[in-house]
Amino acid sequence: MKGSCAGPVIFLFAAVLLTSCNGENPNEETMLLYSRASSSYAQGNFTEAASMLGPIKHFTPALVLRAKALYFNGQGDQALVLLRRALRRNPGSGEASLFLARILREQGKDQEALDIIEVLLRDNPQDLRALRIASDLAALAGNTGDAAALLDRAVEASAETALVFIDRAKLRWTAGNGSGALEDLRRAEVLLPWNTPLVRGLRDLRSVLEKDAEEKNEAK
């Protein structure tokens, strides 16, 4: 149950933050419809989500979510129109920019996609998705050195994410959530460069915690 609700909650939370910044004031009915559509989208029901959001014309998060649903449903051209409309309403929408660049790249409009990605990376140099698209565009242009450098930056950004998992693992272990702590350590290990001192230390720590957890289970 928790897994099925997390996605819609994240979408709704992001929408509230966005509307508070750009001055949009959706009514309760719009927010309820957006929440239901977010739930359908999170469950992979893209056609249903897009259909539910159709009546909403002036709420940027709904435009972006409908565009994403259409994109994943194979309707890239319609998604493109919605994303451009969303960016006219809110030029600072990173999600709209990212998916617009993604579609443009797939349509062979590499320069326009690159222009968008460069703006995103100026605002957030560690945006993993933007770095991957930029790397892909560089590789397509034959700039393999630039492509590799961009992926190096993405790896460094992933390492920062790994540290977040390590911090949460500490909190979870202290709170008695051993399984959650171990899962976070496994995720951190995957994100870090292979066989570095930190990864080796994580493996040793995970072994100790796993042994401790087994002993506690045996003692019950």
N, C-alpha and C. Protein backbone atom coordinates (compact mmCIF):
# COMPACT_ATOMS: atom_id res chain seq x y z
N MET A 1 0.82 -1.21 0.00
CA MET A 1 0.00 0.00 0.00
C MET A 1 0.85 1.26 0.00
N LYS A 2 1.93 1.25 0.78
CA LYS A 2 2.78 2.43 0.83
C LYS A 2 3.38 2.75 -0.53
N GLY A 3 3.80 1.70 -1.24
CA GLY A 3 4.42 1.92 -2.54
C GLY A 3 3.45 2.54 -3.52
N SER A 4 2.16 2.15 -3.47
CA SER A 4 1.21 2.65 -4.44
C SER A 4 0.82 4.09 -4.16
N CYS A 5 1.02 4.58 -2.95
CA CYS A 5 0.62 5.93 -2.60
C CYS A 5 1.76 6.93 -2.72
N ALA A 6 2.98 6.46 -2.69
CA ALA A 6 4.12 7.38 -2.65
C ALA A 6 4.16 8.27 -3.87
N GLY A 7 3.95 7.68 -5.06
CA GLY A 7 4.03 8.47 -6.28
C GLY A 7 3.04 9.61 -6.31
N PRO A 8 1.73 9.37 -6.11
CA PRO A 8 0.76 10.45 -6.11
C PRO A 8 1.06 11.53 -5.09
N VAL A 9 1.53 11.15 -3.91
CA VAL A 9 1.85 12.14 -2.89
C VAL A 9 2.97 13.05 -3.36
N ILE A 10 3.99 12.47 -4.01
CA ILE A 10 5.10 13.26 -4.52
C ILE A 10 4.60 14.23 -5.59
N PHE A 11 3.76 13.74 -6.51
CA PHE A 11 3.23 14.62 -7.56
C PHE A 11 2.43 15.77 -6.95
N LEU A 12 1.58 15.45 -5.98
CA LEU A 12 0.74 16.46 -5.38
C LEU A 12 1.57 17.49 -4.63
N PHE A 13 2.59 17.02 -3.90
CA PHE A 13 3.46 17.90 -3.15
C PHE A 13 4.20 18.84 -4.10
N ALA A 14 4.70 18.29 -5.20
CA ALA A 14 5.41 19.11 -6.17
C ALA A 14 4.48 20.14 -6.79
N ALA A 15 3.25 19.75 -7.03
CA ALA A 15 2.29 20.68 -7.62
C ALA A 15 1.99 21.84 -6.68
N VAL A 16 1.86 21.55 -5.40
CA VAL A 16 1.58 22.60 -4.42
C VAL A 16 2.74 23.59 -4.37
N LEU A 17 3.97 23.08 -4.38
CA LEU A 17 5.14 23.95 -4.37
C LEU A 17 5.18 24.82 -5.62
N LEU A 18 4.91 24.21 -6.76
CA LEU A 18 4.98 24.94 -8.01
C LEU A 18 3.94 26.03 -8.07
N THR A 19 2.72 25.72 -7.70
CA THR A 19 1.65 26.71 -7.80
C THR A 19 1.84 27.85 -6.82
N SER A 20 2.49 27.57 -5.69
CA SER A 20 2.74 28.64 -4.73
C SER A 20 3.77 29.62 -5.27
N CYS A 21 4.62 29.17 -6.21
CA CYS A 21 5.67 30.01 -6.76
C CYS A 21 5.21 30.79 -7.98
N ASN A 22 4.32 30.21 -8.79
CA ASN A 22 3.97 30.89 -10.04
C ASN A 22 2.61 31.58 -9.99
N GLY A 23 1.98 31.60 -8.84
CA GLY A 23 0.76 32.36 -8.68
C GLY A 23 -0.50 31.65 -9.13
N GLU A 24 -0.44 30.40 -9.55
CA GLU A 24 -1.63 29.67 -9.94
C GLU A 24 -2.42 29.27 -8.70
N ASN A 25 -3.73 29.37 -8.82
CA ASN A 25 -4.58 29.04 -7.69
C ASN A 25 -5.66 28.05 -8.12
N PRO A 26 -5.31 26.78 -8.27
CA PRO A 26 -6.31 25.79 -8.68
C PRO A 26 -7.33 25.59 -7.57
N ASN A 27 -8.56 25.31 -7.98
CA ASN A 27 -9.58 25.07 -6.97
C ASN A 27 -9.50 23.64 -6.46
N GLU A 28 -10.31 23.33 -5.49
CA GLU A 28 -10.27 22.02 -4.85
C GLU A 28 -10.58 20.90 -5.83
N GLU A 29 -11.52 21.15 -6.73
CA GLU A 29 -11.90 20.13 -7.72
C GLU A 29 -10.72 19.80 -8.64
N THR A 30 -9.99 20.83 -9.05
CA THR A 30 -8.83 20.62 -9.92
C THR A 30 -7.75 19.82 -9.21
N MET A 31 -7.48 20.17 -7.95
CA MET A 31 -6.45 19.46 -7.20
C MET A 31 -6.84 18.01 -6.96
N LEU A 32 -8.13 17.76 -6.73
CA LEU A 32 -8.59 16.40 -6.52
C LEU A 32 -8.43 15.58 -7.80
N LEU A 33 -8.79 16.17 -8.93
CA LEU A 33 -8.65 15.49 -10.21
C LEU A 33 -7.17 15.23 -10.51
N TYR A 34 -6.34 16.21 -10.22
CA TYR A 34 -4.90 16.05 -10.44
C TYR A 34 -4.35 14.92 -9.57
N SER A 35 -4.80 14.84 -8.33
CA SER A 35 -4.34 13.78 -7.44
C SER A 35 -4.75 12.41 -7.95
N ARG A 36 -5.96 12.28 -8.43
CA ARG A 36 -6.44 10.99 -8.96
C ARG A 36 -5.66 10.61 -10.22
N ALA A 37 -5.43 11.58 -11.06
CA ALA A 37 -4.67 11.31 -12.29
C ALA A 37 -3.23 10.92 -11.96
N SER A 38 -2.65 11.56 -10.93
CA SER A 38 -1.30 11.21 -10.50
C SER A 38 -1.22 9.76 -10.04
N SER A 39 -2.28 9.31 -9.36
CA SER A 39 -2.33 7.93 -8.90
C SER A 39 -2.37 6.98 -10.09
N SER A 40 -3.17 7.31 -11.08
CA SER A 40 -3.25 6.46 -12.28
C SER A 40 -1.91 6.44 -13.01
N TYR A 41 -1.27 7.59 -13.12
CA TYR A 41 0.03 7.68 -13.79
C TYR A 41 1.07 6.83 -13.06
N ALA A 42 1.09 6.92 -11.73
CA ALA A 42 2.06 6.17 -10.94
C ALA A 42 1.87 4.67 -11.10
N GLN A 43 0.65 4.24 -11.41
CA GLN A 43 0.37 2.83 -11.60
C GLN A 43 0.55 2.39 -13.05
N GLY A 44 1.00 3.31 -13.90
CA GLY A 44 1.24 2.97 -15.29
C GLY A 44 0.02 3.05 -16.19
N ASN A 45 -1.09 3.62 -15.69
CA ASN A 45 -2.30 3.76 -16.50
C ASN A 45 -2.25 5.11 -17.24
N PHE A 46 -1.40 5.19 -18.25
CA PHE A 46 -1.13 6.47 -18.89
C PHE A 46 -2.32 7.00 -19.68
N THR A 47 -3.03 6.12 -20.35
CA THR A 47 -4.21 6.56 -21.11
C THR A 47 -5.25 7.16 -20.19
N GLU A 48 -5.50 6.48 -19.08
CA GLU A 48 -6.48 6.96 -18.11
C GLU A 48 -6.05 8.30 -17.52
N ALA A 49 -4.78 8.41 -17.17
CA ALA A 49 -4.28 9.66 -16.57
C ALA A 49 -4.42 10.82 -17.55
N ALA A 50 -4.05 10.60 -18.80
CA ALA A 50 -4.14 11.66 -19.80
C ALA A 50 -5.58 12.08 -20.02
N SER A 51 -6.49 11.11 -20.04
CA SER A 51 -7.90 11.41 -20.24
C SER A 51 -8.47 12.21 -19.09
N MET A 52 -8.09 11.85 -17.87
CA MET A 52 -8.59 12.54 -16.69
C MET A 52 -8.14 14.00 -16.65
N LEU A 53 -6.93 14.24 -17.15
CA LEU A 53 -6.37 15.59 -17.08
C LEU A 53 -6.79 16.46 -18.26
N GLY A 54 -7.47 15.88 -19.25
CA GLY A 54 -7.87 16.62 -20.43
C GLY A 54 -8.64 17.90 -20.16
N PRO A 55 -9.60 17.89 -19.24
CA PRO A 55 -10.40 19.11 -19.01
C PRO A 55 -9.62 20.25 -18.35
N ILE A 56 -8.45 19.96 -17.77
CA ILE A 56 -7.68 21.00 -17.07
C ILE A 56 -6.79 21.73 -18.08
N LYS A 57 -7.05 23.02 -18.27
CA LYS A 57 -6.35 23.78 -19.31
C LYS A 57 -5.38 24.81 -18.74
N HIS A 58 -5.53 25.19 -17.49
CA HIS A 58 -4.76 26.32 -16.98
C HIS A 58 -4.07 26.02 -15.66
N PHE A 59 -3.54 24.80 -15.53
CA PHE A 59 -2.83 24.40 -14.31
C PHE A 59 -1.55 23.70 -14.77
N THR A 60 -0.43 24.37 -14.63
CA THR A 60 0.82 23.90 -15.22
C THR A 60 1.19 22.46 -14.84
N PRO A 61 1.15 22.07 -13.55
CA PRO A 61 1.50 20.68 -13.22
C PRO A 61 0.63 19.66 -13.94
N ALA A 62 -0.64 19.99 -14.16
CA ALA A 62 -1.52 19.06 -14.88
C ALA A 62 -1.12 18.96 -16.34
N LEU A 63 -0.72 20.09 -16.94
CA LEU A 63 -0.27 20.06 -18.32
C LEU A 63 0.97 19.18 -18.46
N VAL A 64 1.91 19.34 -17.52
CA VAL A 64 3.15 18.56 -17.58
C VAL A 64 2.87 17.08 -17.36
N LEU A 65 2.04 16.76 -16.39
CA LEU A 65 1.74 15.36 -16.12
C LEU A 65 1.00 14.72 -17.29
N ARG A 66 0.07 15.45 -17.89
CA ARG A 66 -0.64 14.91 -19.04
C ARG A 66 0.33 14.69 -20.21
N ALA A 67 1.25 15.63 -20.39
CA ALA A 67 2.24 15.47 -21.45
C ALA A 67 3.10 14.23 -21.23
N LYS A 68 3.50 13.99 -19.99
CA LYS A 68 4.31 12.81 -19.68
C LYS A 68 3.51 11.53 -19.92
N ALA A 69 2.24 11.56 -19.55
CA ALA A 69 1.39 10.38 -19.78
C ALA A 69 1.24 10.11 -21.28
N LEU A 70 1.05 11.17 -22.04
CA LEU A 70 0.94 11.01 -23.49
C LEU A 70 2.26 10.50 -24.08
N TYR A 71 3.37 11.04 -23.59
CA TYR A 71 4.68 10.61 -24.08
C TYR A 71 4.88 9.11 -23.86
N PHE A 72 4.61 8.66 -22.65
CA PHE A 72 4.80 7.24 -22.36
C PHE A 72 3.74 6.36 -23.02
N ASN A 73 2.71 7.00 -23.56
CA ASN A 73 1.68 6.26 -24.30
C ASN A 73 1.94 6.32 -25.81
N GLY A 74 3.13 6.82 -26.18
CA GLY A 74 3.50 6.84 -27.58
C GLY A 74 2.97 8.01 -28.37
N GLN A 75 2.52 9.07 -27.69
CA GLN A 75 1.95 10.23 -28.36
C GLN A 75 2.85 11.45 -28.14
N GLY A 76 4.06 11.33 -28.65
CA GLY A 76 5.06 12.35 -28.42
C GLY A 76 4.71 13.71 -28.97
N ASP A 77 4.08 13.76 -30.14
CA ASP A 77 3.75 15.06 -30.76
C ASP A 77 2.76 15.84 -29.90
N GLN A 78 1.74 15.14 -29.38
CA GLN A 78 0.77 15.81 -28.50
C GLN A 78 1.45 16.26 -27.22
N ALA A 79 2.35 15.43 -26.71
CA ALA A 79 3.08 15.80 -25.50
C ALA A 79 3.91 17.05 -25.72
N LEU A 80 4.51 17.15 -26.90
CA LEU A 80 5.33 18.31 -27.25
C LEU A 80 4.52 19.60 -27.17
N VAL A 81 3.32 19.59 -27.71
CA VAL A 81 2.45 20.78 -27.70
C VAL A 81 2.14 21.19 -26.26
N LEU A 82 1.81 20.23 -25.42
CA LEU A 82 1.47 20.53 -24.02
C LEU A 82 2.67 21.07 -23.25
N LEU A 83 3.84 20.50 -23.50
CA LEU A 83 5.03 20.95 -22.79
C LEU A 83 5.40 22.38 -23.16
N ARG A 84 5.25 22.71 -24.44
CA ARG A 84 5.52 24.09 -24.85
C ARG A 84 4.53 25.04 -24.19
N ARG A 85 3.27 24.62 -24.10
CA ARG A 85 2.27 25.46 -23.45
C ARG A 85 2.59 25.62 -21.97
N ALA A 86 3.01 24.53 -21.33
CA ALA A 86 3.36 24.60 -19.91
C ALA A 86 4.53 25.56 -19.69
N LEU A 87 5.52 25.55 -20.59
CA LEU A 87 6.68 26.41 -20.43
C LEU A 87 6.34 27.88 -20.74
N ARG A 88 5.35 28.11 -21.56
CA ARG A 88 4.91 29.50 -21.76
C ARG A 88 4.27 30.04 -20.49
N ARG A 89 3.56 29.15 -19.79
CA ARG A 89 2.93 29.56 -18.53
C ARG A 89 3.95 29.67 -17.41
N ASN A 90 4.91 28.75 -17.41
CA ASN A 90 5.91 28.72 -16.33
C ASN A 90 7.27 28.35 -16.92
N PRO A 91 8.02 29.33 -17.41
CA PRO A 91 9.31 29.07 -18.06
C PRO A 91 10.32 28.35 -17.16
N GLY A 92 10.11 28.40 -15.86
CA GLY A 92 11.06 27.77 -14.94
C GLY A 92 10.76 26.32 -14.62
N SER A 93 9.82 25.70 -15.31
CA SER A 93 9.48 24.31 -15.02
C SER A 93 10.56 23.37 -15.54
N GLY A 94 11.38 22.87 -14.63
CA GLY A 94 12.46 21.96 -15.02
C GLY A 94 11.95 20.65 -15.58
N GLU A 95 10.87 20.14 -15.04
CA GLU A 95 10.32 18.87 -15.51
C GLU A 95 9.82 19.00 -16.94
N ALA A 96 9.13 20.11 -17.21
CA ALA A 96 8.64 20.33 -18.58
C ALA A 96 9.82 20.47 -19.55
N SER A 97 10.84 21.21 -19.14
CA SER A 97 12.02 21.40 -19.99
C SER A 97 12.71 20.07 -20.27
N LEU A 98 12.84 19.26 -19.24
CA LEU A 98 13.54 17.98 -19.38
C LEU A 98 12.83 17.06 -20.37
N PHE A 99 11.52 16.95 -20.23
CA PHE A 99 10.78 16.06 -21.14
C PHE A 99 10.68 16.64 -22.54
N LEU A 100 10.65 17.96 -22.64
CA LEU A 100 10.65 18.58 -23.95
C LEU A 100 11.96 18.27 -24.67
N ALA A 101 13.08 18.39 -23.96
CA ALA A 101 14.38 18.07 -24.55
C ALA A 101 14.45 16.60 -24.95
N ARG A 102 13.86 15.74 -24.12
CA ARG A 102 13.87 14.31 -24.39
C ARG A 102 13.14 14.00 -25.70
N ILE A 103 11.98 14.63 -25.89
CA ILE A 103 11.21 14.39 -27.11
C ILE A 103 11.91 14.98 -28.32
N LEU A 104 12.45 16.19 -28.17
CA LEU A 104 13.16 16.82 -29.28
C LEU A 104 14.35 15.99 -29.73
N ARG A 105 15.07 15.42 -28.74
CA ARG A 105 16.21 14.57 -29.09
C ARG A 105 15.74 13.37 -29.89
N GLU A 106 14.63 12.76 -29.48
CA GLU A 106 14.12 11.59 -30.18
C GLU A 106 13.63 11.94 -31.58
N GLN A 107 13.24 13.19 -31.78
CA GLN A 107 12.78 13.63 -33.10
C GLN A 107 13.92 14.15 -33.97
N GLY A 108 15.14 14.05 -33.47
CA GLY A 108 16.29 14.49 -34.24
C GLY A 108 16.56 15.98 -34.20
N LYS A 109 15.87 16.71 -33.32
CA LYS A 109 16.07 18.16 -33.19
C LYS A 109 17.11 18.41 -32.09
N ASP A 110 18.33 17.98 -32.39
CA ASP A 110 19.38 17.93 -31.37
C ASP A 110 19.77 19.31 -30.84
N GLN A 111 19.88 20.29 -31.72
CA GLN A 111 20.34 21.60 -31.26
C GLN A 111 19.33 22.25 -30.32
N GLU A 112 18.04 22.14 -30.64
CA GLU A 112 17.02 22.71 -29.76
C GLU A 112 17.02 21.99 -28.42
N ALA A 113 17.18 20.67 -28.47
CA ALA A 113 17.25 19.89 -27.22
C ALA A 113 18.46 20.32 -26.40
N LEU A 114 19.60 20.52 -27.07
CA LEU A 114 20.82 20.91 -26.36
C LEU A 114 20.68 22.29 -25.74
N ASP A 115 20.03 23.21 -26.43
CA ASP A 115 19.82 24.56 -25.87
C ASP A 115 19.04 24.48 -24.56
N ILE A 116 18.03 23.63 -24.54
CA ILE A 116 17.22 23.47 -23.33
C ILE A 116 18.04 22.84 -22.21
N ILE A 117 18.79 21.80 -22.54
CA ILE A 117 19.58 21.10 -21.54
C ILE A 117 20.66 22.01 -20.95
N GLU A 118 21.26 22.85 -21.77
CA GLU A 118 22.29 23.75 -21.27
C GLU A 118 21.72 24.72 -20.24
N VAL A 119 20.50 25.18 -20.46
CA VAL A 119 19.85 26.06 -19.48
C VAL A 119 19.60 25.30 -18.17
N LEU A 120 19.12 24.06 -18.29
CA LEU A 120 18.87 23.25 -17.10
C LEU A 120 20.15 23.04 -16.30
N LEU A 121 21.24 22.76 -16.99
CA LEU A 121 22.50 22.49 -16.30
C LEU A 121 23.13 23.75 -15.73
N ARG A 122 22.82 24.90 -16.30
CA ARG A 122 23.28 26.15 -15.68
C ARG A 122 22.59 26.36 -14.34
N ASP A 123 21.30 25.99 -14.29
CA ASP A 123 20.54 26.14 -13.05
C ASP A 123 20.88 25.06 -12.04
N ASN A 124 21.14 23.85 -12.55
CA ASN A 124 21.45 22.72 -11.66
C ASN A 124 22.48 21.82 -12.33
N PRO A 125 23.78 22.09 -12.09
CA PRO A 125 24.85 21.34 -12.76
C PRO A 125 24.87 19.86 -12.42
N GLN A 126 24.12 19.43 -11.39
CA GLN A 126 24.13 18.03 -10.99
C GLN A 126 22.83 17.30 -11.34
N ASP A 127 22.06 17.87 -12.24
CA ASP A 127 20.81 17.23 -12.67
C ASP A 127 21.17 15.97 -13.48
N LEU A 128 20.95 14.81 -12.87
CA LEU A 128 21.37 13.55 -13.49
C LEU A 128 20.71 13.31 -14.84
N ARG A 129 19.42 13.57 -14.93
CA ARG A 129 18.71 13.30 -16.18
C ARG A 129 19.19 14.25 -17.28
N ALA A 130 19.42 15.51 -16.93
CA ALA A 130 19.92 16.45 -17.92
C ALA A 130 21.34 16.08 -18.37
N LEU A 131 22.17 15.63 -17.43
CA LEU A 131 23.52 15.21 -17.77
C LEU A 131 23.51 14.02 -18.73
N ARG A 132 22.62 13.08 -18.50
CA ARG A 132 22.55 11.92 -19.38
C ARG A 132 22.13 12.31 -20.79
N ILE A 133 21.13 13.20 -20.89
CA ILE A 133 20.69 13.65 -22.21
C ILE A 133 21.82 14.43 -22.90
N ALA A 134 22.50 15.30 -22.13
CA ALA A 134 23.61 16.06 -22.70
C ALA A 134 24.71 15.14 -23.20
N SER A 135 25.00 14.09 -22.44
CA SER A 135 26.01 13.12 -22.85
C SER A 135 25.60 12.40 -24.12
N ASP A 136 24.33 12.03 -24.18
CA ASP A 136 23.82 11.35 -25.38
C ASP A 136 23.93 12.24 -26.60
N LEU A 137 23.59 13.52 -26.44
CA LEU A 137 23.67 14.46 -27.55
C LEU A 137 25.12 14.66 -28.00
N ALA A 138 26.02 14.74 -27.03
CA ALA A 138 27.44 14.89 -27.36
C ALA A 138 27.95 13.67 -28.12
N ALA A 139 27.53 12.48 -27.70
CA ALA A 139 27.96 11.25 -28.38
C ALA A 139 27.42 11.20 -29.80
N LEU A 140 26.16 11.61 -29.98
CA LEU A 140 25.57 11.62 -31.32
C LEU A 140 26.31 12.59 -32.25
N ALA A 141 26.84 13.66 -31.65
CA ALA A 141 27.58 14.65 -32.44
C ALA A 141 29.03 14.24 -32.66
N GLY A 142 29.42 13.08 -32.12
CA GLY A 142 30.78 12.60 -32.29
C GLY A 142 31.76 13.13 -31.27
N ASN A 143 31.26 13.85 -30.25
CA ASN A 143 32.13 14.41 -29.22
C ASN A 143 32.22 13.43 -28.05
N THR A 144 32.93 12.33 -28.26
CA THR A 144 32.98 11.28 -27.25
C THR A 144 33.66 11.74 -25.97
N GLY A 145 34.64 12.64 -26.09
CA GLY A 145 35.30 13.15 -24.89
C GLY A 145 34.34 13.93 -24.02
N ASP A 146 33.54 14.80 -24.65
CA ASP A 146 32.54 15.57 -23.89
C ASP A 146 31.49 14.64 -23.30
N ALA A 147 31.09 13.63 -24.06
CA ALA A 147 30.09 12.69 -23.57
C ALA A 147 30.59 11.98 -22.32
N ALA A 148 31.85 11.56 -22.34
CA ALA A 148 32.43 10.88 -21.18
C ALA A 148 32.54 11.81 -20.00
N ALA A 149 32.93 13.07 -20.25
CA ALA A 149 33.06 14.04 -19.16
C ALA A 149 31.71 14.31 -18.50
N LEU A 150 30.66 14.37 -19.30
CA LEU A 150 29.32 14.60 -18.76
C LEU A 150 28.87 13.42 -17.90
N LEU A 151 29.19 12.22 -18.34
CA LEU A 151 28.84 11.04 -17.54
C LEU A 151 29.67 10.99 -16.26
N ASP A 152 30.92 11.48 -16.33
CA ASP A 152 31.72 11.57 -15.10
C ASP A 152 31.04 12.49 -14.08
N ARG A 153 30.49 13.59 -14.58
CA ARG A 153 29.76 14.50 -13.69
C ARG A 153 28.53 13.83 -13.11
N ALA A 154 27.87 13.02 -13.94
CA ALA A 154 26.68 12.30 -13.46
C ALA A 154 27.06 11.30 -12.37
N VAL A 155 28.21 10.64 -12.54
CA VAL A 155 28.68 9.70 -11.52
C VAL A 155 28.96 10.44 -10.22
N GLU A 156 29.59 11.60 -10.32
CA GLU A 156 29.87 12.39 -9.12
C GLU A 156 28.58 12.79 -8.42
N ALA A 157 27.57 13.18 -9.21
CA ALA A 157 26.28 13.55 -8.63
C ALA A 157 25.64 12.34 -7.97
N SER A 158 25.80 11.16 -8.56
CA SER A 158 25.26 9.94 -7.96
C SER A 158 25.92 9.65 -6.62
N ALA A 159 27.20 9.97 -6.52
CA ALA A 159 27.91 9.76 -5.26
C ALA A 159 27.30 10.61 -4.16
N GLU A 160 26.86 11.83 -4.50
CA GLU A 160 26.20 12.67 -3.50
C GLU A 160 24.90 12.02 -3.03
N THR A 161 24.18 11.43 -3.98
CA THR A 161 22.95 10.72 -3.61
C THR A 161 23.26 9.54 -2.70
N ALA A 162 24.38 8.87 -2.96
CA ALA A 162 24.78 7.74 -2.11
C ALA A 162 24.99 8.18 -0.68
N LEU A 163 25.56 9.35 -0.48
CA LEU A 163 25.79 9.85 0.87
C LEU A 163 24.47 10.09 1.61
N VAL A 164 23.44 10.48 0.85
CA VAL A 164 22.11 10.66 1.45
C VAL A 164 21.59 9.32 1.96
N PHE A 165 21.78 8.25 1.15
CA PHE A 165 21.35 6.92 1.57
C PHE A 165 22.11 6.48 2.83
N ILE A 166 23.39 6.81 2.89
CA ILE A 166 24.19 6.43 4.06
C ILE A 166 23.68 7.15 5.31
N ASP A 167 23.39 8.44 5.17
CA ASP A 167 22.85 9.21 6.30
C ASP A 167 21.53 8.62 6.78
N ARG A 168 20.67 8.24 5.81
CA ARG A 168 19.38 7.68 6.21
C ARG A 168 19.56 6.30 6.84
N ALA A 169 20.54 5.56 6.37
CA ALA A 169 20.81 4.25 6.96
C ALA A 169 21.17 4.39 8.43
N LYS A 170 21.96 5.41 8.76
CA LYS A 170 22.32 5.64 10.17
C LYS A 170 21.08 5.90 11.01
N LEU A 171 20.21 6.77 10.50
CA LEU A 171 18.99 7.10 11.25
C LEU A 171 18.09 5.88 11.41
N ARG A 172 17.97 5.10 10.33
CA ARG A 172 17.11 3.92 10.39
C ARG A 172 17.65 2.90 11.39
N TRP A 173 18.97 2.71 11.37
CA TRP A 173 19.55 1.73 12.29
C TRP A 173 19.36 2.17 13.74
N THR A 174 19.56 3.45 14.00
CA THR A 174 19.37 3.99 15.34
C THR A 174 17.93 3.84 15.81
N ALA A 175 16.99 3.96 14.85
CA ALA A 175 15.57 3.85 15.18
C ALA A 175 15.10 2.40 15.27
N GLY A 176 16.01 1.45 15.03
CA GLY A 176 15.65 0.05 15.12
C GLY A 176 15.16 -0.57 13.83
N ASN A 177 15.28 0.18 12.73
CA ASN A 177 14.84 -0.33 11.43
C ASN A 177 16.05 -0.92 10.70
N GLY A 178 16.47 -2.12 11.13
CA GLY A 178 17.66 -2.74 10.57
C GLY A 178 17.54 -3.07 9.10
N SER A 179 16.40 -3.60 8.69
CA SER A 179 16.24 -3.99 7.28
C SER A 179 16.28 -2.76 6.38
N GLY A 180 15.66 -1.67 6.84
CA GLY A 180 15.69 -0.43 6.05
C GLY A 180 17.09 0.13 5.94
N ALA A 181 17.85 0.06 7.04
CA ALA A 181 19.24 0.55 7.04
C ALA A 181 20.09 -0.26 6.07
N LEU A 182 19.93 -1.56 6.07
CA LEU A 182 20.72 -2.42 5.18
C LEU A 182 20.36 -2.16 3.72
N GLU A 183 19.09 -1.93 3.44
CA GLU A 183 18.67 -1.64 2.07
C GLU A 183 19.28 -0.33 1.60
N ASP A 184 19.31 0.68 2.48
CA ASP A 184 19.92 1.95 2.11
C ASP A 184 21.41 1.79 1.83
N LEU A 185 22.09 0.97 2.61
CA LEU A 185 23.52 0.74 2.38
C LEU A 185 23.75 0.04 1.05
N ARG A 186 22.87 -0.90 0.70
CA ARG A 186 22.99 -1.57 -0.60
C ARG A 186 22.82 -0.58 -1.74
N ARG A 187 21.85 0.32 -1.61
CA ARG A 187 21.62 1.32 -2.65
C ARG A 187 22.82 2.26 -2.78
N ALA A 188 23.36 2.66 -1.64
CA ALA A 188 24.53 3.54 -1.66
C ALA A 188 25.70 2.86 -2.36
N GLU A 189 25.88 1.57 -2.09
CA GLU A 189 26.99 0.82 -2.68
C GLU A 189 26.88 0.79 -4.20
N VAL A 190 25.65 0.64 -4.71
CA VAL A 190 25.44 0.60 -6.16
C VAL A 190 25.78 1.94 -6.80
N LEU A 191 25.51 3.03 -6.11
CA LEU A 191 25.71 4.36 -6.68
C LEU A 191 27.15 4.83 -6.67
N LEU A 192 27.97 4.26 -5.79
CA LEU A 192 29.35 4.71 -5.66
C LEU A 192 30.27 4.00 -6.65
N PRO A 193 31.37 4.67 -7.05
CA PRO A 193 32.35 4.03 -7.95
C PRO A 193 32.86 2.72 -7.37
N TRP A 194 33.03 1.72 -8.23
CA TRP A 194 33.37 0.37 -7.79
C TRP A 194 34.73 0.32 -7.11
N ASN A 195 34.79 -0.42 -6.01
CA ASN A 195 36.03 -0.77 -5.32
C ASN A 195 36.81 0.43 -4.78
N THR A 196 36.12 1.53 -4.49
CA THR A 196 36.76 2.66 -3.82
C THR A 196 36.83 2.37 -2.33
N PRO A 197 37.67 3.10 -1.58
CA PRO A 197 37.75 2.88 -0.13
C PRO A 197 36.39 3.00 0.56
N LEU A 198 35.55 3.96 0.11
CA LEU A 198 34.25 4.13 0.74
C LEU A 198 33.36 2.91 0.49
N VAL A 199 33.40 2.39 -0.74
CA VAL A 199 32.60 1.20 -1.04
C VAL A 199 33.07 0.01 -0.22
N ARG A 200 34.38 -0.16 -0.11
CA ARG A 200 34.90 -1.27 0.69
C ARG A 200 34.48 -1.12 2.14
N GLY A 201 34.51 0.11 2.64
CA GLY A 201 34.06 0.35 4.01
C GLY A 201 32.58 0.05 4.18
N LEU A 202 31.78 0.41 3.16
CA LEU A 202 30.35 0.12 3.22
C LEU A 202 30.08 -1.38 3.25
N ARG A 203 30.84 -2.13 2.46
CA ARG A 203 30.66 -3.58 2.44
C ARG A 203 30.97 -4.17 3.81
N ASP A 204 32.06 -3.69 4.42
CA ASP A 204 32.42 -4.19 5.75
C ASP A 204 31.34 -3.84 6.77
N LEU A 205 30.84 -2.59 6.69
CA LEU A 205 29.80 -2.17 7.62
C LEU A 205 28.53 -2.99 7.41
N ARG A 206 28.18 -3.21 6.15
CA ARG A 206 26.96 -3.99 5.87
C ARG A 206 27.10 -5.42 6.39
N SER A 207 28.29 -5.99 6.27
CA SER A 207 28.51 -7.35 6.78
C SER A 207 28.32 -7.40 8.29
N VAL A 208 28.84 -6.39 8.98
CA VAL A 208 28.69 -6.33 10.44
C VAL A 208 27.22 -6.20 10.83
N LEU A 209 26.50 -5.31 10.13
CA LEU A 209 25.09 -5.10 10.46
C LEU A 209 24.25 -6.33 10.13
N GLU A 210 24.56 -6.99 9.03
CA GLU A 210 23.82 -8.21 8.67
C GLU A 210 24.04 -9.30 9.72
N LYS A 211 25.28 -9.42 10.18
CA LYS A 211 25.58 -10.42 11.21
C LYS A 211 24.85 -10.08 12.50
N ASP A 212 24.84 -8.80 12.85
CA ASP A 212 24.14 -8.35 14.06
C ASP A 212 22.65 -8.64 13.96
N ALA A 213 22.09 -8.39 12.77
CA ALA A 213 20.66 -8.62 12.57
C ALA A 213 20.33 -10.11 12.68
N GLU A 214 21.22 -10.98 12.13
CA GLU A 214 21.00 -12.42 12.21
C GLU A 214 21.04 -12.89 13.67
N GLU A 215 22.00 -12.35 14.43
CA GLU A 215 22.11 -12.75 15.83
C GLU A 215 20.87 -12.34 16.62
N LYS A 216 20.35 -11.15 16.30
CA LYS A 216 19.15 -10.69 16.99
C LYS A 216 17.96 -11.58 16.65
N ASN A 217 17.86 -11.99 15.39
CA ASN A 217 16.76 -12.87 14.97
C ASN A 217 16.86 -14.23 15.65
N GLU A 218 18.08 -14.74 15.76
CA GLU A 218 18.28 -16.05 16.40
C GLU A 218 17.96 -15.99 17.88
N ALA A 219 18.17 -14.83 18.48
CA ALA A 219 17.94 -14.67 19.92
C ALA A 219 16.45 -14.56 20.26
N LYS A 220 15.62 -14.28 19.25
CA LYS A 220 14.18 -14.13 19.51
C LYS A 220 13.52 -15.48 19.78
